[in-house]
Amino acid sequence: MATASEWVSGARPRTLPAALAPVLVGTGAAAFAGGAHLGRALLAAGLALALQVGVNYANDYSDGVRGTDLDRVGPMRLTASGAARPQHVLVAAIGALGLAGVLGLVLVALVGQWWLLAVGAAAIAAAWFYTGGRRPYGYLGLGELGVLVFFGFVATVGTTYTQALVVPWPAWVGATGVGLNACALLMANNLRDAPKDSLAGKRTLAVRLGERHARRLFALELLGALALGAVCAVAAPWALLVLLLTLPVTLLSLTVLAGARGRLLLPVLAGTGLVALGYGVLLGIGLAL
């Protein structure tokens, strides 16, 4: 039976800061539009965290039962390691996704825009079918697209809309930047796992592009997010605060471009998650000011 610390490790806490980034930017954009609401922002944050934990447990379960998580570098794999029964990991995934659904329902009820339930249902489905189902889209190299759409546009713009009921253009630009940071986090993860994924038939974008192009794309995603944050300064000059992340983004990019592999990518993963969180904090503050 898995210990409490193993369950925490299996939830992949290093990915959680990135889950808050869209809420921070979305709330900043709502403040920019004159409609920020603390209670709804907190609900959105809880929803984002529950959804991220649900995704992580669902991936652990699906990859584990497929046998693609054997002999991996990185965080604890509950299913593949045998520390927890697959059914228990599945229940944990369903529980976290269910909590996300409940929080989303409360948020939609407060806003009164019931069509948003369809968006929430699509987000939960995307979380499951990333590695679940007969043809998981994460195995087809479409994981980054799903991350850009749901952890970028849907999460950020959705946060803004549920508070302000309007979506100013900086919300869309910021959402793209948030999504690119999340894609970079996924790319670093998939670069680390690429050799094993290739053997297991998991054709992530990192596997499809090849190591050289995948590393370049990682750097472009981080630098592109910075550039988009700076674009928001046209409407909100304080958005230039995101440029404080130039040094860590440069160091992370150079580390990956230099060919870091395996365990050497673990600090890159942690650093990318912190950059994503810092991006959310700085751009969110910049838009609010």
C-alpha atoms as a PDB file:
ATOM      1  CA  MET A   1       0.000   0.000   0.000  1.00  0.00           C
ATOM      2  CA  ALA A   2       1.361   3.417  -0.972  1.00  0.00           C
ATOM      3  CA  THR A   3       2.317   5.784   1.827  1.00  0.00           C
ATOM      4  CA  ALA A   4       0.963   9.310   2.127  1.00  0.00           C
ATOM      5  CA  SER A   5       4.259  10.748   0.846  1.00  0.00           C
ATOM      6  CA  GLU A   6       4.112   8.429  -2.180  1.00  0.00           C
ATOM      7  CA  TRP A   7       0.582   9.601  -2.975  1.00  0.00           C
ATOM      8  CA  VAL A   8       1.778  13.209  -2.750  1.00  0.00           C
ATOM      9  CA  SER A   9       4.729  12.439  -5.022  1.00  0.00           C
ATOM     10  CA  GLY A  10       2.377  10.633  -7.437  1.00  0.00           C
ATOM     11  CA  ALA A  11       0.292  13.820  -7.687  1.00  0.00           C
ATOM     12  CA  ARG A  12       3.439  15.474  -9.161  1.00  0.00           C
ATOM     13  CA  PRO A  13       3.432  18.638  -7.036  1.00  0.00           C
ATOM     14  CA  ARG A  14       6.054  20.295  -9.257  1.00  0.00           C
ATOM     15  CA  THR A  15       3.377  20.681 -11.939  1.00  0.00           C
ATOM     16  CA  LEU A  16       0.917  22.449  -9.628  1.00  0.00           C
ATOM     17  CA  PRO A  17       2.410  25.977  -9.736  1.00  0.00           C
ATOM     18  CA  ALA A  18       1.813  26.044 -13.493  1.00  0.00           C
ATOM     19  CA  ALA A  19      -1.869  25.243 -12.839  1.00  0.00           C
ATOM     20  CA  LEU A  20      -2.252  28.528 -10.943  1.00  0.00           C
ATOM     21  CA  ALA A  21      -0.696  30.661 -13.690  1.00  0.00           C
ATOM     22  CA  PRO A  22      -3.841  30.926 -15.868  1.00  0.00           C
ATOM     23  CA  VAL A  23      -5.937  31.889 -12.850  1.00  0.00           C
ATOM     24  CA  LEU A  24      -3.496  34.640 -11.892  1.00  0.00           C
ATOM     25  CA  VAL A  25      -3.314  36.065 -15.413  1.00  0.00           C
ATOM     26  CA  GLY A  26      -7.061  35.681 -15.924  1.00  0.00           C
ATOM     27  CA  THR A  27      -7.803  37.487 -12.661  1.00  0.00           C
ATOM     28  CA  GLY A  28      -5.350  40.250 -13.597  1.00  0.00           C
ATOM     29  CA  ALA A  29      -7.152  40.632 -16.926  1.00  0.00           C
ATOM     30  CA  ALA A  30     -10.500  40.762 -15.089  1.00  0.00           C
ATOM     31  CA  ALA A  31      -9.107  43.554 -12.897  1.00  0.00           C
ATOM     32  CA  PHE A  32      -7.904  45.294 -16.065  1.00  0.00           C
ATOM     33  CA  ALA A  33     -11.516  45.134 -17.282  1.00  0.00           C
ATOM     34  CA  GLY A  34     -12.804  46.405 -13.936  1.00  0.00           C
ATOM     35  CA  GLY A  35     -14.433  43.153 -12.806  1.00  0.00           C
ATOM     36  CA  ALA A  36     -12.068  41.147 -10.572  1.00  0.00           C
ATOM     37  CA  HIS A  37     -13.798  38.992  -7.937  1.00  0.00           C
ATOM     38  CA  LEU A  38     -11.758  37.325  -5.182  1.00  0.00           C
ATOM     39  CA  GLY A  39     -14.251  34.563  -4.379  1.00  0.00           C
ATOM     40  CA  ARG A  40     -14.562  33.461  -7.992  1.00  0.00           C
ATOM     41  CA  ALA A  41     -10.798  33.652  -8.417  1.00  0.00           C
ATOM     42  CA  LEU A  42     -10.339  31.294  -5.454  1.00  0.00           C
ATOM     43  CA  LEU A  43     -12.907  28.893  -6.898  1.00  0.00           C
ATOM     44  CA  ALA A  44     -11.080  28.956 -10.230  1.00  0.00           C
ATOM     45  CA  ALA A  45      -7.777  28.273  -8.440  1.00  0.00           C
ATOM     46  CA  GLY A  46      -9.253  25.284  -6.607  1.00  0.00           C
ATOM     47  CA  LEU A  47     -10.717  23.983  -9.861  1.00  0.00           C
ATOM     48  CA  ALA A  48      -7.375  24.351 -11.677  1.00  0.00           C
ATOM     49  CA  LEU A  49      -5.445  22.541  -8.942  1.00  0.00           C
ATOM     50  CA  ALA A  50      -7.989  19.714  -8.707  1.00  0.00           C
ATOM     51  CA  LEU A  51      -7.957  19.299 -12.476  1.00  0.00           C
ATOM     52  CA  GLN A  52      -4.143  19.180 -12.564  1.00  0.00           C
ATOM     53  CA  VAL A  53      -4.003  16.562  -9.805  1.00  0.00           C
ATOM     54  CA  GLY A  54      -6.708  14.593 -11.624  1.00  0.00           C
ATOM     55  CA  VAL A  55      -4.712  14.719 -14.864  1.00  0.00           C
ATOM     56  CA  ASN A  56      -1.594  13.520 -13.070  1.00  0.00           C
ATOM     57  CA  TYR A  57      -3.298  10.573 -11.384  1.00  0.00           C
ATOM     58  CA  ALA A  58      -5.154   9.697 -14.598  1.00  0.00           C
ATOM     59  CA  ASN A  59      -1.840   9.673 -16.497  1.00  0.00           C
ATOM     60  CA  ASP A  60      -0.268   7.535 -13.784  1.00  0.00           C
ATOM     61  CA  TYR A  61      -3.105   5.026 -14.073  1.00  0.00           C
ATOM     62  CA  SER A  62      -3.364   4.925 -17.875  1.00  0.00           C
ATOM     63  CA  ASP A  63       0.384   4.816 -18.558  1.00  0.00           C
ATOM     64  CA  GLY A  64       0.844   2.296 -15.767  1.00  0.00           C
ATOM     65  CA  VAL A  65      -1.708  -0.217 -17.026  1.00  0.00           C
ATOM     66  CA  ARG A  66      -0.324   0.162 -20.577  1.00  0.00           C
ATOM     67  CA  GLY A  67       3.192  -0.569 -19.362  1.00  0.00           C
ATOM     68  CA  THR A  68       4.686   2.680 -20.689  1.00  0.00           C
ATOM     69  CA  ASP A  69       5.736   3.917 -17.243  1.00  0.00           C
ATOM     70  CA  LEU A  70       8.220   1.136 -16.463  1.00  0.00           C
ATOM     71  CA  ASP A  71      11.791   2.133 -15.565  1.00  0.00           C
ATOM     72  CA  ARG A  72      11.153   5.888 -15.659  1.00  0.00           C
ATOM     73  CA  VAL A  73      13.194   8.805 -14.371  1.00  0.00           C
ATOM     74  CA  GLY A  74      11.319  11.401 -12.359  1.00  0.00           C
ATOM     75  CA  PRO A  75       8.410  11.471  -9.917  1.00  0.00           C
ATOM     76  CA  MET A  76       6.851   8.463  -8.249  1.00  0.00           C
ATOM     77  CA  ARG A  77       4.717   6.273 -10.544  1.00  0.00           C
ATOM     78  CA  LEU A  78       2.164   4.706  -8.247  1.00  0.00           C
ATOM     79  CA  THR A  79       0.740   2.197 -10.724  1.00  0.00           C
ATOM     80  CA  ALA A  80       3.907   1.146 -12.563  1.00  0.00           C
ATOM     81  CA  SER A  81       5.931   0.793  -9.358  1.00  0.00           C
ATOM     82  CA  GLY A  82       3.292  -1.403  -7.773  1.00  0.00           C
ATOM     83  CA  ALA A  83       3.092   0.915  -4.753  1.00  0.00           C
ATOM     84  CA  ALA A  84      -0.652   1.320  -5.289  1.00  0.00           C
ATOM     85  CA  ARG A  85      -3.247  -0.827  -6.993  1.00  0.00           C
ATOM     86  CA  PRO A  86      -4.384   0.513 -10.375  1.00  0.00           C
ATOM     87  CA  GLN A  87      -7.989   0.668  -9.141  1.00  0.00           C
ATOM     88  CA  HIS A  88      -6.964   2.896  -6.242  1.00  0.00           C
ATOM     89  CA  VAL A  89      -5.094   5.291  -8.547  1.00  0.00           C
ATOM     90  CA  LEU A  90      -8.128   5.366 -10.834  1.00  0.00           C
ATOM     91  CA  VAL A  91     -10.370   6.231  -7.885  1.00  0.00           C
ATOM     92  CA  ALA A  92      -7.971   9.043  -6.914  1.00  0.00           C
ATOM     93  CA  ALA A  93      -8.084  10.396 -10.480  1.00  0.00           C
ATOM     94  CA  ILE A  94     -11.876  10.244 -10.605  1.00  0.00           C
ATOM     95  CA  GLY A  95     -12.088  11.876  -7.176  1.00  0.00           C
ATOM     96  CA  ALA A  96      -9.871  14.805  -8.171  1.00  0.00           C
ATOM     97  CA  LEU A  97     -11.650  15.290 -11.495  1.00  0.00           C
ATOM     98  CA  GLY A  98     -14.980  15.022  -9.699  1.00  0.00           C
ATOM     99  CA  LEU A  99     -13.917  17.729  -7.255  1.00  0.00           C
ATOM    100  CA  ALA A 100     -12.941  19.900 -10.212  1.00  0.00           C
ATOM    101  CA  GLY A 101     -16.397  19.288 -11.664  1.00  0.00           C
ATOM    102  CA  VAL A 102     -18.130  20.313  -8.426  1.00  0.00           C
ATOM    103  CA  LEU A 103     -16.072  23.499  -8.099  1.00  0.00           C
ATOM    104  CA  GLY A 104     -16.771  24.282 -11.742  1.00  0.00           C
ATOM    105  CA  LEU A 105     -20.503  23.782 -11.186  1.00  0.00           C
ATOM    106  CA  VAL A 106     -20.472  26.184  -8.242  1.00  0.00           C
ATOM    107  CA  LEU A 107     -18.561  28.751 -10.297  1.00  0.00           C
ATOM    108  CA  VAL A 108     -20.967  28.455 -13.223  1.00  0.00           C
ATOM    109  CA  ALA A 109     -23.955  28.784 -10.879  1.00  0.00           C
ATOM    110  CA  LEU A 110     -22.525  31.998  -9.433  1.00  0.00           C
ATOM    111  CA  VAL A 111     -21.917  33.417 -12.904  1.00  0.00           C
ATOM    112  CA  GLY A 112     -25.246  32.206 -14.294  1.00  0.00           C
ATOM    113  CA  GLN A 113     -23.762  31.273 -17.680  1.00  0.00           C
ATOM    114  CA  TRP A 114     -24.812  27.626 -17.890  1.00  0.00           C
ATOM    115  CA  TRP A 115     -23.283  27.062 -21.331  1.00  0.00           C
ATOM    116  CA  LEU A 116     -19.918  27.054 -19.525  1.00  0.00           C
ATOM    117  CA  LEU A 117     -20.784  23.548 -18.262  1.00  0.00           C
ATOM    118  CA  ALA A 118     -20.041  22.252 -21.758  1.00  0.00           C
ATOM    119  CA  VAL A 119     -16.597  23.876 -21.610  1.00  0.00           C
ATOM    120  CA  GLY A 120     -15.945  22.279 -18.228  1.00  0.00           C
ATOM    121  CA  ALA A 121     -17.039  18.870 -19.485  1.00  0.00           C
ATOM    122  CA  ALA A 122     -14.666  19.222 -22.450  1.00  0.00           C
ATOM    123  CA  ALA A 123     -11.799  20.089 -20.083  1.00  0.00           C
ATOM    124  CA  ILE A 124     -12.433  16.996 -17.951  1.00  0.00           C
ATOM    125  CA  ALA A 125     -12.665  14.826 -21.069  1.00  0.00           C
ATOM    126  CA  ALA A 126      -9.395  16.287 -22.336  1.00  0.00           C
ATOM    127  CA  ALA A 127      -7.776  15.475 -18.986  1.00  0.00           C
ATOM    128  CA  TRP A 128      -8.832  11.834 -19.212  1.00  0.00           C
ATOM    129  CA  PHE A 129      -8.198  11.155 -22.890  1.00  0.00           C
ATOM    130  CA  TYR A 130      -4.679  12.618 -22.825  1.00  0.00           C
ATOM    131  CA  THR A 131      -3.421   9.142 -21.944  1.00  0.00           C
ATOM    132  CA  GLY A 132      -6.735   7.302 -21.417  1.00  0.00           C
ATOM    133  CA  GLY A 133      -9.061   5.555 -23.840  1.00  0.00           C
ATOM    134  CA  ARG A 134      -8.233   3.459 -26.894  1.00  0.00           C
ATOM    135  CA  ARG A 135      -6.477   6.221 -28.831  1.00  0.00           C
ATOM    136  CA  PRO A 136      -5.095   8.750 -26.313  1.00  0.00           C
ATOM    137  CA  TYR A 137      -4.179  11.971 -28.058  1.00  0.00           C
ATOM    138  CA  GLY A 138      -1.032  12.320 -25.942  1.00  0.00           C
ATOM    139  CA  TYR A 139       0.310   9.217 -27.719  1.00  0.00           C
ATOM    140  CA  LEU A 140      -0.293  10.864 -31.093  1.00  0.00           C
ATOM    141  CA  GLY A 141       1.844  13.954 -30.463  1.00  0.00           C
ATOM    142  CA  LEU A 142      -1.140  16.208 -29.716  1.00  0.00           C
ATOM    143  CA  GLY A 143      -0.483  16.750 -26.019  1.00  0.00           C
ATOM    144  CA  GLU A 144       0.916  20.263 -26.476  1.00  0.00           C
ATOM    145  CA  LEU A 145      -2.151  21.271 -28.489  1.00  0.00           C
ATOM    146  CA  GLY A 146      -4.422  20.084 -25.689  1.00  0.00           C
ATOM    147  CA  VAL A 147      -2.326  21.931 -23.096  1.00  0.00           C
ATOM    148  CA  LEU A 148      -2.358  25.154 -25.133  1.00  0.00           C
ATOM    149  CA  VAL A 149      -6.130  25.016 -25.555  1.00  0.00           C
ATOM    150  CA  PHE A 150      -7.200  23.971 -22.053  1.00  0.00           C
ATOM    151  CA  PHE A 151      -4.412  25.155 -19.735  1.00  0.00           C
ATOM    152  CA  GLY A 152      -3.875  28.261 -21.835  1.00  0.00           C
ATOM    153  CA  PHE A 153      -6.989  29.633 -23.497  1.00  0.00           C
ATOM    154  CA  VAL A 154      -9.808  27.909 -21.608  1.00  0.00           C
ATOM    155  CA  ALA A 155      -8.328  28.322 -18.124  1.00  0.00           C
ATOM    156  CA  THR A 156      -7.120  31.910 -18.545  1.00  0.00           C
ATOM    157  CA  VAL A 157      -9.952  33.349 -20.611  1.00  0.00           C
ATOM    158  CA  GLY A 158     -12.464  31.337 -18.581  1.00  0.00           C
ATOM    159  CA  THR A 159     -11.124  32.864 -15.358  1.00  0.00           C
ATOM    160  CA  THR A 160     -11.462  36.353 -16.811  1.00  0.00           C
ATOM    161  CA  TYR A 161     -14.956  35.768 -18.152  1.00  0.00           C
ATOM    162  CA  THR A 162     -16.352  34.232 -14.959  1.00  0.00           C
ATOM    163  CA  GLN A 163     -15.320  37.378 -13.093  1.00  0.00           C
ATOM    164  CA  ALA A 164     -15.781  40.248 -15.530  1.00  0.00           C
ATOM    165  CA  LEU A 165     -18.207  38.718 -18.104  1.00  0.00           C
ATOM    166  CA  VAL A 166     -16.031  40.330 -20.786  1.00  0.00           C
ATOM    167  CA  VAL A 167     -12.678  39.291 -22.213  1.00  0.00           C
ATOM    168  CA  PRO A 168     -10.295  42.163 -23.105  1.00  0.00           C
ATOM    169  CA  TRP A 169      -7.622  41.427 -25.688  1.00  0.00           C
ATOM    170  CA  PRO A 170      -4.747  41.225 -23.152  1.00  0.00           C
ATOM    171  CA  ALA A 171      -6.501  38.183 -21.687  1.00  0.00           C
ATOM    172  CA  TRP A 172      -6.162  36.363 -25.019  1.00  0.00           C
ATOM    173  CA  VAL A 173      -2.518  37.384 -25.440  1.00  0.00           C
ATOM    174  CA  GLY A 174      -1.720  36.443 -21.849  1.00  0.00           C
ATOM    175  CA  ALA A 175      -3.561  33.149 -22.286  1.00  0.00           C
ATOM    176  CA  THR A 176      -1.319  32.311 -25.223  1.00  0.00           C
ATOM    177  CA  GLY A 177       1.751  33.047 -23.121  1.00  0.00           C
ATOM    178  CA  VAL A 178       0.449  30.915 -20.259  1.00  0.00           C
ATOM    179  CA  GLY A 179      -0.249  28.105 -22.704  1.00  0.00           C
ATOM    180  CA  LEU A 180       3.246  28.302 -24.190  1.00  0.00           C
ATOM    181  CA  ASN A 181       4.799  28.029 -20.723  1.00  0.00           C
ATOM    182  CA  ALA A 182       2.647  24.976 -20.017  1.00  0.00           C
ATOM    183  CA  CYS A 183       3.700  23.490 -23.364  1.00  0.00           C
ATOM    184  CA  ALA A 184       7.351  24.057 -22.434  1.00  0.00           C
ATOM    185  CA  LEU A 185       6.778  22.205 -19.156  1.00  0.00           C
ATOM    186  CA  LEU A 186       5.250  19.293 -21.043  1.00  0.00           C
ATOM    187  CA  MET A 187       8.047  19.358 -23.622  1.00  0.00           C
ATOM    188  CA  ALA A 188      10.708  19.162 -20.899  1.00  0.00           C
ATOM    189  CA  ASN A 189       8.862  16.222 -19.369  1.00  0.00           C
ATOM    190  CA  ASN A 190       8.575  14.456 -22.724  1.00  0.00           C
ATOM    191  CA  LEU A 191      12.202  15.155 -23.629  1.00  0.00           C
ATOM    192  CA  ARG A 192      13.202  13.393 -20.427  1.00  0.00           C
ATOM    193  CA  ASP A 193      11.000  10.406 -21.276  1.00  0.00           C
ATOM    194  CA  ALA A 194      11.540  10.362 -25.060  1.00  0.00           C
ATOM    195  CA  PRO A 195      13.850   7.309 -25.226  1.00  0.00           C
ATOM    196  CA  LYS A 196      11.429   5.165 -23.202  1.00  0.00           C
ATOM    197  CA  ASP A 197       8.355   6.615 -24.937  1.00  0.00           C
ATOM    198  CA  SER A 198       9.762   5.778 -28.352  1.00  0.00           C
ATOM    199  CA  LEU A 199      10.311   2.155 -27.363  1.00  0.00           C
ATOM    200  CA  ALA A 200       6.835   1.938 -25.810  1.00  0.00           C
ATOM    201  CA  GLY A 201       5.106   3.364 -28.910  1.00  0.00           C
ATOM    202  CA  LYS A 202       4.173   6.634 -27.196  1.00  0.00           C
ATOM    203  CA  ARG A 203       4.671   9.135 -30.027  1.00  0.00           C
ATOM    204  CA  THR A 204       4.761  12.415 -28.118  1.00  0.00           C
ATOM    205  CA  LEU A 205       5.648  15.604 -29.957  1.00  0.00           C
ATOM    206  CA  ALA A 206       9.202  15.316 -28.579  1.00  0.00           C
ATOM    207  CA  VAL A 207       9.488  11.845 -30.140  1.00  0.00           C
ATOM    208  CA  ARG A 208       7.956  12.944 -33.442  1.00  0.00           C
ATOM    209  CA  LEU A 209      10.118  16.055 -33.808  1.00  0.00           C
ATOM    210  CA  GLY A 210      13.330  14.404 -32.739  1.00  0.00           C
ATOM    211  CA  GLU A 211      15.603  15.575 -29.953  1.00  0.00           C
ATOM    212  CA  ARG A 212      17.210  18.507 -31.766  1.00  0.00           C
ATOM    213  CA  HIS A 213      13.973  20.165 -32.889  1.00  0.00           C
ATOM    214  CA  ALA A 214      12.187  19.397 -29.618  1.00  0.00           C
ATOM    215  CA  ARG A 215      14.909  21.216 -27.668  1.00  0.00           C
ATOM    216  CA  ARG A 216      14.641  24.237 -29.959  1.00  0.00           C
ATOM    217  CA  LEU A 217      10.871  24.283 -29.584  1.00  0.00           C
ATOM    218  CA  PHE A 218      11.209  24.278 -25.783  1.00  0.00           C
ATOM    219  CA  ALA A 219      13.337  27.426 -25.933  1.00  0.00           C
ATOM    220  CA  LEU A 220      11.000  29.098 -28.446  1.00  0.00           C
ATOM    221  CA  GLU A 221       7.984  28.396 -26.235  1.00  0.00           C
ATOM    222  CA  LEU A 222       9.545  30.059 -23.196  1.00  0.00           C
ATOM    223  CA  LEU A 223      10.877  33.024 -25.177  1.00  0.00           C
ATOM    224  CA  GLY A 224       7.585  33.380 -27.045  1.00  0.00           C
ATOM    225  CA  ALA A 225       5.675  33.555 -23.764  1.00  0.00           C
ATOM    226  CA  LEU A 226       7.957  36.367 -22.566  1.00  0.00           C
ATOM    227  CA  ALA A 227       7.448  38.279 -25.810  1.00  0.00           C
ATOM    228  CA  LEU A 228       3.665  37.958 -25.569  1.00  0.00           C
ATOM    229  CA  GLY A 229       3.716  39.194 -21.986  1.00  0.00           C
ATOM    230  CA  ALA A 230       5.618  42.245 -23.160  1.00  0.00           C
ATOM    231  CA  VAL A 231       3.009  42.824 -25.908  1.00  0.00           C
ATOM    232  CA  CYS A 232       0.388  43.273 -23.173  1.00  0.00           C
ATOM    233  CA  ALA A 233       2.319  46.373 -22.096  1.00  0.00           C
ATOM    234  CA  VAL A 234       0.694  48.209 -25.020  1.00  0.00           C
ATOM    235  CA  ALA A 235      -2.463  48.327 -22.892  1.00  0.00           C
ATOM    236  CA  ALA A 236      -0.975  47.782 -19.433  1.00  0.00           C
ATOM    237  CA  PRO A 237       2.604  49.128 -19.132  1.00  0.00           C
ATOM    238  CA  TRP A 238       3.232  47.226 -15.891  1.00  0.00           C
ATOM    239  CA  ALA A 239       2.987  44.003 -17.888  1.00  0.00           C
ATOM    240  CA  LEU A 240       6.671  44.559 -18.646  1.00  0.00           C
ATOM    241  CA  LEU A 241       7.250  43.023 -15.207  1.00  0.00           C
ATOM    242  CA  VAL A 242       7.365  39.656 -16.988  1.00  0.00           C
ATOM    243  CA  LEU A 243      10.760  40.637 -18.387  1.00  0.00           C
ATOM    244  CA  LEU A 244      12.150  39.998 -14.891  1.00  0.00           C
ATOM    245  CA  LEU A 245      11.989  36.349 -15.948  1.00  0.00           C
ATOM    246  CA  THR A 246      14.464  36.878 -18.798  1.00  0.00           C
ATOM    247  CA  LEU A 247      17.436  35.441 -16.904  1.00  0.00           C
ATOM    248  CA  PRO A 248      15.794  32.202 -15.667  1.00  0.00           C
ATOM    249  CA  VAL A 249      14.175  31.651 -19.072  1.00  0.00           C
ATOM    250  CA  THR A 250      17.554  32.101 -20.759  1.00  0.00           C
ATOM    251  CA  LEU A 251      19.279  29.706 -18.348  1.00  0.00           C
ATOM    252  CA  LEU A 252      16.598  27.045 -18.769  1.00  0.00           C
ATOM    253  CA  SER A 253      16.714  27.391 -22.548  1.00  0.00           C
ATOM    254  CA  LEU A 254      20.499  27.119 -22.653  1.00  0.00           C
ATOM    255  CA  THR A 255      20.457  24.070 -20.377  1.00  0.00           C
ATOM    256  CA  VAL A 256      18.048  22.246 -22.670  1.00  0.00           C
ATOM    257  CA  LEU A 257      19.768  23.388 -25.855  1.00  0.00           C
ATOM    258  CA  ALA A 258      23.075  22.162 -24.410  1.00  0.00           C
ATOM    259  CA  GLY A 259      21.658  18.639 -24.343  1.00  0.00           C
ATOM    260  CA  ALA A 260      20.598  17.941 -20.737  1.00  0.00           C
ATOM    261  CA  ARG A 261      19.094  14.446 -20.481  1.00  0.00           C
ATOM    262  CA  GLY A 262      17.476  12.145 -17.965  1.00  0.00           C
ATOM    263  CA  ARG A 263      17.912  13.288 -14.376  1.00  0.00           C
ATOM    264  CA  LEU A 264      19.582  16.501 -15.538  1.00  0.00           C
ATOM    265  CA  LEU A 265      16.180  17.563 -16.866  1.00  0.00           C
ATOM    266  CA  LEU A 266      14.542  17.292 -13.435  1.00  0.00           C
ATOM    267  CA  PRO A 267      15.792  20.758 -12.343  1.00  0.00           C
ATOM    268  CA  VAL A 268      14.632  22.069 -15.711  1.00  0.00           C
ATOM    269  CA  LEU A 269      11.145  20.732 -15.022  1.00  0.00           C
ATOM    270  CA  ALA A 270      11.087  22.343 -11.577  1.00  0.00           C
ATOM    271  CA  GLY A 271      12.481  25.603 -12.964  1.00  0.00           C
ATOM    272  CA  THR A 272       9.976  25.705 -15.824  1.00  0.00           C
ATOM    273  CA  GLY A 273       7.126  25.213 -13.373  1.00  0.00           C
ATOM    274  CA  LEU A 274       8.402  28.112 -11.270  1.00  0.00           C
ATOM    275  CA  VAL A 275       8.804  30.292 -14.378  1.00  0.00           C
ATOM    276  CA  ALA A 276       5.191  29.515 -15.285  1.00  0.00           C
ATOM    277  CA  LEU A 277       4.073  30.541 -11.793  1.00  0.00           C
ATOM    278  CA  GLY A 278       6.245  33.669 -11.862  1.00  0.00           C
ATOM    279  CA  TYR A 279       4.774  34.549 -15.245  1.00  0.00           C
ATOM    280  CA  GLY A 280       1.284  34.270 -13.809  1.00  0.00           C
ATOM    281  CA  VAL A 281       2.151  36.418 -10.787  1.00  0.00           C
ATOM    282  CA  LEU A 282       4.010  39.132 -12.711  1.00  0.00           C
ATOM    283  CA  LEU A 283       1.662  39.390 -15.681  1.00  0.00           C
ATOM    284  CA  GLY A 284      -1.373  39.168 -13.423  1.00  0.00           C
ATOM    285  CA  ILE A 285      -0.074  42.048 -11.290  1.00  0.00           C
ATOM    286  CA  GLY A 286       0.933  43.985 -14.388  1.00  0.00           C
ATOM    287  CA  LEU A 287      -2.543  43.722 -15.895  1.00  0.00           C
ATOM    288  CA  ALA A 288      -4.251  44.555 -12.608  1.00  0.00           C
ATOM    289  CA  LEU A 289      -2.128  47.680 -12.104  1.00  0.00           C
END
